[in-house]
Amino acid sequence: MKVFISSVQKEFAAEREALFQYFIADPLLSAFFEPVLFEKLPAASQAPDKVYIDEVGQSQIYLGLLGCEYGYQDPAGVSPTEHEYDHATTMHLDRLVFIKGDSTISRHPKEEAFIQKVGGNLSRKRFETLDELKHEVSKSLFALLQQKGFISHTSF
């Protein structure tokens, strides 16, 4: 299953690369999931917004990382991350969202509104460190594999 990793690229550069490598190196994750990062896609003769929306549509899972920054805004005032989330929602993809930091940190007002929007639609997890993020991603994907019947846990 393709997992589209969505976030403000600059704010989450280290986390994005670490998750990509984690997916590739982990035996369980690599057996079931293919990570997709916009910055690892080849050059294309299409506008970036078309490329990332197409990639979301070709994925089965949206994995969002939300933090302090809202990121670039198009003429309508919407960030690519929010467009990706909205498209994943429209496509009925499984959506997993991880929020960096607790509720006391200062965030861009639009990022705060985006976090509230996501919270109204699905359960999300918070993290502080890269290790916590990897642990929460792994737990969430393992649970998803169980829900979909790809793996099961039974007594010997």
N, C-alpha and C. Protein backbone atom coordinates (compact mmCIF):
# COMPACT_ATOMS: atom_id res chain seq x y z
N MET A 1 0.84 -1.17 0.00
CA MET A 1 0.00 0.00 0.00
C MET A 1 0.89 1.24 0.00
N LYS A 2 0.53 2.19 -0.82
CA LYS A 2 1.27 3.45 -0.85
C LYS A 2 0.85 4.34 0.30
N VAL A 3 1.84 4.93 0.97
CA VAL A 3 1.60 5.85 2.08
C VAL A 3 2.14 7.21 1.67
N PHE A 4 1.25 8.16 1.46
CA PHE A 4 1.65 9.52 1.09
C PHE A 4 1.96 10.29 2.37
N ILE A 5 3.21 10.71 2.52
CA ILE A 5 3.65 11.46 3.70
C ILE A 5 3.51 12.94 3.39
N SER A 6 2.67 13.60 4.17
CA SER A 6 2.29 14.99 3.91
C SER A 6 2.67 15.87 5.09
N SER A 7 3.28 17.02 4.79
CA SER A 7 3.63 17.99 5.83
C SER A 7 4.21 19.22 5.14
N VAL A 8 4.48 20.24 5.94
CA VAL A 8 5.28 21.36 5.45
C VAL A 8 6.69 20.79 5.29
N GLN A 9 7.20 20.78 4.06
CA GLN A 9 8.48 20.12 3.79
C GLN A 9 9.63 20.69 4.61
N LYS A 10 9.72 22.01 4.66
CA LYS A 10 10.86 22.64 5.35
C LYS A 10 10.83 22.35 6.85
N GLU A 11 9.66 22.47 7.47
CA GLU A 11 9.55 22.25 8.91
C GLU A 11 9.85 20.80 9.30
N PHE A 12 9.46 19.87 8.45
CA PHE A 12 9.59 18.45 8.79
C PHE A 12 10.59 17.70 7.90
N ALA A 13 11.59 18.38 7.38
CA ALA A 13 12.55 17.74 6.49
C ALA A 13 13.20 16.51 7.13
N ALA A 14 13.67 16.63 8.35
CA ALA A 14 14.34 15.51 9.02
C ALA A 14 13.37 14.37 9.29
N GLU A 15 12.17 14.69 9.76
CA GLU A 15 11.18 13.66 10.06
C GLU A 15 10.73 12.93 8.80
N ARG A 16 10.54 13.66 7.72
CA ARG A 16 10.11 13.06 6.46
C ARG A 16 11.14 12.05 5.96
N GLU A 17 12.40 12.48 5.94
CA GLU A 17 13.47 11.57 5.47
C GLU A 17 13.61 10.38 6.41
N ALA A 18 13.55 10.62 7.70
CA ALA A 18 13.67 9.51 8.67
C ALA A 18 12.52 8.52 8.51
N LEU A 19 11.30 9.01 8.32
CA LEU A 19 10.18 8.09 8.12
C LEU A 19 10.34 7.30 6.82
N PHE A 20 10.77 7.97 5.77
CA PHE A 20 11.00 7.29 4.50
C PHE A 20 11.99 6.14 4.69
N GLN A 21 13.11 6.43 5.34
CA GLN A 21 14.12 5.40 5.58
C GLN A 21 13.61 4.30 6.51
N TYR A 22 12.81 4.69 7.50
CA TYR A 22 12.22 3.73 8.43
C TYR A 22 11.32 2.75 7.70
N PHE A 23 10.48 3.24 6.80
CA PHE A 23 9.61 2.37 6.01
C PHE A 23 10.43 1.38 5.19
N ILE A 24 11.51 1.83 4.62
CA ILE A 24 12.33 0.98 3.76
C ILE A 24 13.10 -0.06 4.57
N ALA A 25 13.60 0.34 5.74
CA ALA A 25 14.46 -0.54 6.54
C ALA A 25 13.70 -1.52 7.43
N ASP A 26 12.51 -1.16 7.88
CA ASP A 26 11.77 -2.03 8.79
C ASP A 26 11.16 -3.21 8.03
N PRO A 27 11.44 -4.45 8.47
CA PRO A 27 10.94 -5.63 7.73
C PRO A 27 9.42 -5.68 7.59
N LEU A 28 8.68 -5.35 8.64
CA LEU A 28 7.22 -5.40 8.57
C LEU A 28 6.69 -4.27 7.69
N LEU A 29 7.15 -3.06 7.94
CA LEU A 29 6.65 -1.92 7.16
C LEU A 29 6.98 -2.08 5.68
N SER A 30 8.20 -2.50 5.37
CA SER A 30 8.60 -2.61 3.96
C SER A 30 7.85 -3.72 3.24
N ALA A 31 7.34 -4.72 3.99
CA ALA A 31 6.58 -5.80 3.36
C ALA A 31 5.19 -5.34 2.93
N PHE A 32 4.66 -4.32 3.60
CA PHE A 32 3.28 -3.91 3.33
C PHE A 32 3.14 -2.50 2.74
N PHE A 33 4.13 -1.64 2.97
CA PHE A 33 3.95 -0.23 2.64
C PHE A 33 5.07 0.33 1.78
N GLU A 34 4.68 1.26 0.89
CA GLU A 34 5.63 2.00 0.06
C GLU A 34 5.46 3.49 0.38
N PRO A 35 6.47 4.11 0.99
CA PRO A 35 6.34 5.53 1.32
C PRO A 35 6.47 6.41 0.07
N VAL A 36 5.72 7.51 0.06
CA VAL A 36 5.77 8.46 -1.05
C VAL A 36 6.07 9.84 -0.47
N LEU A 37 7.17 10.43 -0.93
CA LEU A 37 7.54 11.79 -0.56
C LEU A 37 7.59 12.62 -1.84
N PHE A 38 6.95 13.78 -1.82
CA PHE A 38 6.93 14.65 -2.99
C PHE A 38 8.34 14.94 -3.49
N GLU A 39 9.27 15.23 -2.55
CA GLU A 39 10.61 15.62 -2.95
C GLU A 39 11.42 14.48 -3.57
N LYS A 40 10.95 13.26 -3.49
CA LYS A 40 11.64 12.12 -4.10
C LYS A 40 11.04 11.74 -5.45
N LEU A 41 9.96 12.42 -5.83
CA LEU A 41 9.34 12.13 -7.13
C LEU A 41 10.19 12.73 -8.25
N PRO A 42 10.13 12.13 -9.43
CA PRO A 42 10.89 12.70 -10.55
C PRO A 42 10.28 14.02 -11.03
N ALA A 43 11.08 14.77 -11.74
CA ALA A 43 10.58 16.01 -12.36
C ALA A 43 9.42 15.66 -13.29
N ALA A 44 8.47 16.57 -13.38
CA ALA A 44 7.29 16.32 -14.21
C ALA A 44 6.91 17.58 -14.96
N SER A 45 6.24 17.39 -16.08
CA SER A 45 5.79 18.54 -16.87
C SER A 45 4.38 18.95 -16.47
N GLN A 46 4.11 18.88 -15.17
CA GLN A 46 2.83 19.29 -14.60
C GLN A 46 3.09 20.22 -13.43
N ALA A 47 2.12 21.01 -13.08
CA ALA A 47 2.23 21.91 -11.94
C ALA A 47 2.36 21.06 -10.66
N PRO A 48 3.13 21.57 -9.69
CA PRO A 48 3.32 20.80 -8.45
C PRO A 48 2.02 20.40 -7.77
N ASP A 49 1.02 21.29 -7.77
CA ASP A 49 -0.24 20.94 -7.09
C ASP A 49 -0.94 19.77 -7.77
N LYS A 50 -0.82 19.67 -9.08
CA LYS A 50 -1.40 18.51 -9.78
C LYS A 50 -0.63 17.24 -9.44
N VAL A 51 0.68 17.34 -9.35
CA VAL A 51 1.50 16.17 -9.04
C VAL A 51 1.16 15.63 -7.66
N TYR A 52 1.14 16.51 -6.65
CA TYR A 52 0.89 15.97 -5.31
C TYR A 52 -0.54 15.48 -5.15
N ILE A 53 -1.50 16.11 -5.78
CA ILE A 53 -2.88 15.62 -5.69
C ILE A 53 -3.01 14.27 -6.39
N ASP A 54 -2.36 14.11 -7.54
CA ASP A 54 -2.37 12.81 -8.23
C ASP A 54 -1.74 11.72 -7.37
N GLU A 55 -0.64 12.05 -6.69
CA GLU A 55 0.03 11.07 -5.84
C GLU A 55 -0.83 10.68 -4.64
N VAL A 56 -1.53 11.64 -4.06
CA VAL A 56 -2.46 11.31 -2.97
C VAL A 56 -3.51 10.34 -3.50
N GLY A 57 -4.05 10.63 -4.68
CA GLY A 57 -5.09 9.79 -5.27
C GLY A 57 -4.63 8.39 -5.61
N GLN A 58 -3.33 8.21 -5.82
CA GLN A 58 -2.78 6.88 -6.12
C GLN A 58 -2.35 6.14 -4.86
N SER A 59 -2.49 6.78 -3.72
CA SER A 59 -2.09 6.18 -2.44
C SER A 59 -3.31 5.56 -1.75
N GLN A 60 -3.02 4.70 -0.79
CA GLN A 60 -4.08 4.10 0.01
C GLN A 60 -4.14 4.71 1.41
N ILE A 61 -3.04 5.36 1.82
CA ILE A 61 -2.95 5.93 3.16
C ILE A 61 -2.36 7.33 3.08
N TYR A 62 -2.99 8.25 3.80
CA TYR A 62 -2.46 9.60 3.97
C TYR A 62 -1.86 9.66 5.37
N LEU A 63 -0.60 10.05 5.46
CA LEU A 63 0.08 10.20 6.75
C LEU A 63 0.49 11.67 6.87
N GLY A 64 -0.20 12.40 7.73
CA GLY A 64 0.04 13.83 7.88
C GLY A 64 0.84 14.16 9.12
N LEU A 65 1.79 15.07 8.96
CA LEU A 65 2.57 15.60 10.08
C LEU A 65 2.22 17.08 10.20
N LEU A 66 1.70 17.47 11.34
CA LEU A 66 1.33 18.87 11.56
C LEU A 66 2.16 19.44 12.69
N GLY A 67 2.55 20.70 12.53
CA GLY A 67 3.42 21.33 13.53
C GLY A 67 3.05 22.77 13.78
N CYS A 68 4.04 23.64 13.65
CA CYS A 68 3.86 25.06 13.94
C CYS A 68 3.54 25.87 12.70
N GLU A 69 4.13 25.51 11.57
CA GLU A 69 4.01 26.29 10.34
C GLU A 69 2.86 25.77 9.48
N TYR A 70 2.17 26.68 8.81
CA TYR A 70 1.12 26.30 7.87
C TYR A 70 1.69 26.08 6.48
N GLY A 71 2.77 26.78 6.17
CA GLY A 71 3.43 26.61 4.88
C GLY A 71 2.90 27.54 3.81
N TYR A 72 3.40 27.30 2.60
CA TYR A 72 3.00 28.07 1.42
C TYR A 72 1.48 28.07 1.28
N GLN A 73 0.93 29.21 0.86
CA GLN A 73 -0.51 29.30 0.63
C GLN A 73 -0.77 29.67 -0.82
N ASP A 74 -1.68 28.96 -1.44
CA ASP A 74 -2.06 29.26 -2.82
C ASP A 74 -2.93 30.53 -2.84
N PRO A 75 -3.35 30.98 -4.00
CA PRO A 75 -4.17 32.21 -4.05
C PRO A 75 -5.43 32.15 -3.19
N ALA A 76 -5.94 30.94 -2.93
CA ALA A 76 -7.13 30.80 -2.08
C ALA A 76 -6.76 30.78 -0.59
N GLY A 77 -5.45 30.83 -0.29
CA GLY A 77 -5.00 30.84 1.10
C GLY A 77 -4.92 29.47 1.74
N VAL A 78 -4.82 28.41 0.92
CA VAL A 78 -4.79 27.04 1.43
C VAL A 78 -3.41 26.43 1.14
N SER A 79 -2.87 25.73 2.12
CA SER A 79 -1.55 25.10 1.97
C SER A 79 -1.65 23.78 1.22
N PRO A 80 -0.54 23.33 0.61
CA PRO A 80 -0.54 22.01 -0.02
C PRO A 80 -0.91 20.89 0.96
N THR A 81 -0.44 20.99 2.19
CA THR A 81 -0.74 19.94 3.17
C THR A 81 -2.24 19.84 3.40
N GLU A 82 -2.92 20.98 3.51
CA GLU A 82 -4.37 20.93 3.72
C GLU A 82 -5.08 20.45 2.46
N HIS A 83 -4.61 20.84 1.28
CA HIS A 83 -5.19 20.32 0.04
C HIS A 83 -5.04 18.80 -0.02
N GLU A 84 -3.86 18.31 0.36
CA GLU A 84 -3.61 16.86 0.34
C GLU A 84 -4.55 16.14 1.30
N TYR A 85 -4.68 16.69 2.50
CA TYR A 85 -5.60 16.10 3.49
C TYR A 85 -7.03 16.08 2.96
N ASP A 86 -7.48 17.20 2.40
CA ASP A 86 -8.85 17.29 1.88
C ASP A 86 -9.07 16.27 0.76
N HIS A 87 -8.07 16.12 -0.11
CA HIS A 87 -8.21 15.15 -1.21
C HIS A 87 -8.25 13.73 -0.66
N ALA A 88 -7.41 13.43 0.32
CA ALA A 88 -7.42 12.11 0.94
C ALA A 88 -8.78 11.83 1.58
N THR A 89 -9.37 12.85 2.16
CA THR A 89 -10.70 12.71 2.77
C THR A 89 -11.74 12.43 1.70
N THR A 90 -11.70 13.19 0.62
CA THR A 90 -12.64 13.00 -0.49
C THR A 90 -12.49 11.61 -1.10
N MET A 91 -11.26 11.11 -1.17
CA MET A 91 -10.99 9.80 -1.76
C MET A 91 -11.24 8.65 -0.77
N HIS A 92 -11.62 8.98 0.45
CA HIS A 92 -11.89 8.00 1.51
C HIS A 92 -10.66 7.14 1.83
N LEU A 93 -9.49 7.79 1.80
CA LEU A 93 -8.27 7.07 2.18
C LEU A 93 -8.22 6.94 3.70
N ASP A 94 -7.48 5.94 4.16
CA ASP A 94 -7.16 5.89 5.58
C ASP A 94 -6.25 7.07 5.86
N ARG A 95 -6.56 7.83 6.91
CA ARG A 95 -5.79 9.02 7.24
C ARG A 95 -5.23 8.88 8.64
N LEU A 96 -3.93 9.05 8.75
CA LEU A 96 -3.24 9.02 10.04
C LEU A 96 -2.54 10.36 10.20
N VAL A 97 -2.81 11.05 11.32
CA VAL A 97 -2.24 12.38 11.52
C VAL A 97 -1.51 12.41 12.85
N PHE A 98 -0.32 12.99 12.80
CA PHE A 98 0.56 13.10 13.96
C PHE A 98 0.93 14.57 14.15
N ILE A 99 0.74 15.06 15.36
CA ILE A 99 0.96 16.47 15.65
C ILE A 99 2.18 16.62 16.54
N LYS A 100 3.11 17.47 16.10
CA LYS A 100 4.32 17.70 16.87
C LYS A 100 4.05 18.75 17.95
N GLY A 101 4.39 18.39 19.20
CA GLY A 101 4.25 19.32 20.31
C GLY A 101 2.89 19.24 20.97
N ASP A 102 2.81 19.85 22.14
CA ASP A 102 1.54 19.85 22.86
C ASP A 102 0.71 21.07 22.49
N SER A 103 -0.43 21.20 23.12
CA SER A 103 -1.36 22.27 22.76
C SER A 103 -0.92 23.65 23.24
N THR A 104 0.18 23.72 24.00
CA THR A 104 0.62 25.02 24.52
C THR A 104 1.59 25.74 23.60
N ILE A 105 2.11 25.07 22.56
CA ILE A 105 3.10 25.74 21.71
C ILE A 105 2.42 26.71 20.76
N SER A 106 3.17 27.70 20.32
CA SER A 106 2.66 28.72 19.41
C SER A 106 2.65 28.16 17.99
N ARG A 107 1.52 28.27 17.33
CA ARG A 107 1.37 27.79 15.96
C ARG A 107 0.79 28.90 15.09
N HIS A 108 1.05 28.82 13.80
CA HIS A 108 0.42 29.72 12.85
C HIS A 108 -1.10 29.56 13.02
N PRO A 109 -1.85 30.65 12.99
CA PRO A 109 -3.31 30.55 13.18
C PRO A 109 -4.00 29.58 12.22
N LYS A 110 -3.54 29.54 10.97
CA LYS A 110 -4.15 28.62 10.01
C LYS A 110 -3.78 27.17 10.32
N GLU A 111 -2.59 26.95 10.87
CA GLU A 111 -2.19 25.60 11.27
C GLU A 111 -3.05 25.14 12.45
N GLU A 112 -3.28 26.06 13.38
CA GLU A 112 -4.14 25.74 14.53
C GLU A 112 -5.55 25.39 14.06
N ALA A 113 -6.08 26.15 13.11
CA ALA A 113 -7.41 25.87 12.56
C ALA A 113 -7.42 24.53 11.82
N PHE A 114 -6.35 24.24 11.11
CA PHE A 114 -6.23 22.97 10.39
C PHE A 114 -6.22 21.81 11.39
N ILE A 115 -5.47 21.95 12.47
CA ILE A 115 -5.43 20.91 13.50
C ILE A 115 -6.82 20.69 14.09
N GLN A 116 -7.56 21.77 14.33
CA GLN A 116 -8.92 21.65 14.84
C GLN A 116 -9.83 20.94 13.83
N LYS A 117 -9.66 21.27 12.57
CA LYS A 117 -10.45 20.63 11.50
C LYS A 117 -10.18 19.12 11.48
N VAL A 118 -8.91 18.75 11.53
CA VAL A 118 -8.54 17.33 11.53
C VAL A 118 -9.12 16.64 12.77
N GLY A 119 -9.00 17.30 13.92
CA GLY A 119 -9.50 16.72 15.17
C GLY A 119 -11.00 16.49 15.16
N GLY A 120 -11.72 17.23 14.36
CA GLY A 120 -13.15 17.02 14.25
C GLY A 120 -13.51 15.82 13.39
N ASN A 121 -12.52 15.30 12.65
CA ASN A 121 -12.78 14.19 11.73
C ASN A 121 -12.16 12.86 12.13
N LEU A 122 -11.06 12.91 12.88
CA LEU A 122 -10.38 11.66 13.20
C LEU A 122 -9.51 11.80 14.44
N SER A 123 -9.14 10.67 14.98
CA SER A 123 -8.26 10.63 16.14
C SER A 123 -6.83 10.84 15.66
N ARG A 124 -6.07 11.61 16.39
CA ARG A 124 -4.69 11.87 16.00
C ARG A 124 -3.79 11.66 17.21
N LYS A 125 -2.50 11.56 16.97
CA LYS A 125 -1.53 11.34 18.03
C LYS A 125 -0.52 12.48 18.05
N ARG A 126 -0.03 12.77 19.24
CA ARG A 126 1.01 13.79 19.41
C ARG A 126 2.36 13.11 19.59
N PHE A 127 3.41 13.85 19.22
CA PHE A 127 4.77 13.36 19.42
C PHE A 127 5.69 14.53 19.69
N GLU A 128 6.80 14.24 20.33
CA GLU A 128 7.83 15.25 20.59
C GLU A 128 9.12 14.92 19.85
N THR A 129 9.51 13.65 19.87
CA THR A 129 10.79 13.23 19.30
C THR A 129 10.58 12.36 18.07
N LEU A 130 11.63 12.20 17.31
CA LEU A 130 11.57 11.33 16.13
C LEU A 130 11.28 9.89 16.54
N ASP A 131 11.88 9.43 17.63
CA ASP A 131 11.61 8.07 18.10
C ASP A 131 10.14 7.89 18.46
N GLU A 132 9.55 8.89 19.12
CA GLU A 132 8.12 8.82 19.43
C GLU A 132 7.28 8.77 18.16
N LEU A 133 7.65 9.58 17.17
CA LEU A 133 6.93 9.59 15.90
C LEU A 133 7.00 8.21 15.25
N LYS A 134 8.17 7.65 15.14
CA LYS A 134 8.31 6.34 14.51
C LYS A 134 7.50 5.28 15.26
N HIS A 135 7.53 5.33 16.58
CA HIS A 135 6.77 4.38 17.39
C HIS A 135 5.27 4.52 17.13
N GLU A 136 4.76 5.75 17.12
CA GLU A 136 3.33 5.98 16.90
C GLU A 136 2.91 5.60 15.48
N VAL A 137 3.75 5.90 14.50
CA VAL A 137 3.45 5.51 13.12
C VAL A 137 3.40 3.99 13.01
N SER A 138 4.37 3.32 13.59
CA SER A 138 4.42 1.87 13.54
C SER A 138 3.18 1.25 14.21
N LYS A 139 2.82 1.75 15.39
CA LYS A 139 1.63 1.26 16.09
C LYS A 139 0.37 1.47 15.25
N SER A 140 0.24 2.63 14.67
CA SER A 140 -0.95 2.95 13.88
C SER A 140 -1.04 2.09 12.63
N LEU A 141 0.07 1.88 11.96
CA LEU A 141 0.05 1.06 10.74
C LEU A 141 -0.17 -0.40 11.07
N PHE A 142 0.38 -0.87 12.18
CA PHE A 142 0.15 -2.24 12.61
C PHE A 142 -1.34 -2.44 12.90
N ALA A 143 -1.96 -1.50 13.60
CA ALA A 143 -3.39 -1.57 13.89
C ALA A 143 -4.21 -1.57 12.60
N LEU A 144 -3.80 -0.76 11.64
CA LEU A 144 -4.49 -0.70 10.35
C LEU A 144 -4.40 -2.04 9.62
N LEU A 145 -3.22 -2.67 9.66
CA LEU A 145 -3.06 -3.99 9.03
C LEU A 145 -3.96 -5.02 9.70
N GLN A 146 -4.09 -4.94 11.02
CA GLN A 146 -4.99 -5.85 11.72
C GLN A 146 -6.45 -5.60 11.34
N GLN A 147 -6.85 -4.32 11.31
CA GLN A 147 -8.23 -3.97 10.96
C GLN A 147 -8.61 -4.46 9.56
N LYS A 148 -7.65 -4.40 8.65
CA LYS A 148 -7.91 -4.79 7.27
C LYS A 148 -7.74 -6.29 7.04
N GLY A 149 -7.32 -7.03 8.08
CA GLY A 149 -7.17 -8.46 7.98
C GLY A 149 -5.90 -8.95 7.32
N PHE A 150 -4.91 -8.07 7.14
CA PHE A 150 -3.64 -8.48 6.54
C PHE A 150 -2.79 -9.29 7.51
N ILE A 151 -2.93 -8.99 8.79
CA ILE A 151 -2.25 -9.74 9.84
C ILE A 151 -3.24 -9.99 10.97
N SER A 152 -2.99 -11.04 11.72
CA SER A 152 -3.87 -11.32 12.86
C SER A 152 -3.04 -11.78 14.04
N HIS A 153 -3.64 -11.68 15.18
CA HIS A 153 -2.96 -12.06 16.43
C HIS A 153 -3.84 -13.10 17.10
N THR A 154 -3.35 -14.32 17.17
CA THR A 154 -4.08 -15.39 17.84
C THR A 154 -3.15 -16.10 18.80
N SER A 155 -3.72 -16.81 19.76
CA SER A 155 -2.95 -17.58 20.71
C SER A 155 -2.37 -18.81 20.05
N PHE A 156 -1.25 -19.27 20.57
CA PHE A 156 -0.65 -20.50 20.04
C PHE A 156 -1.48 -21.70 20.41
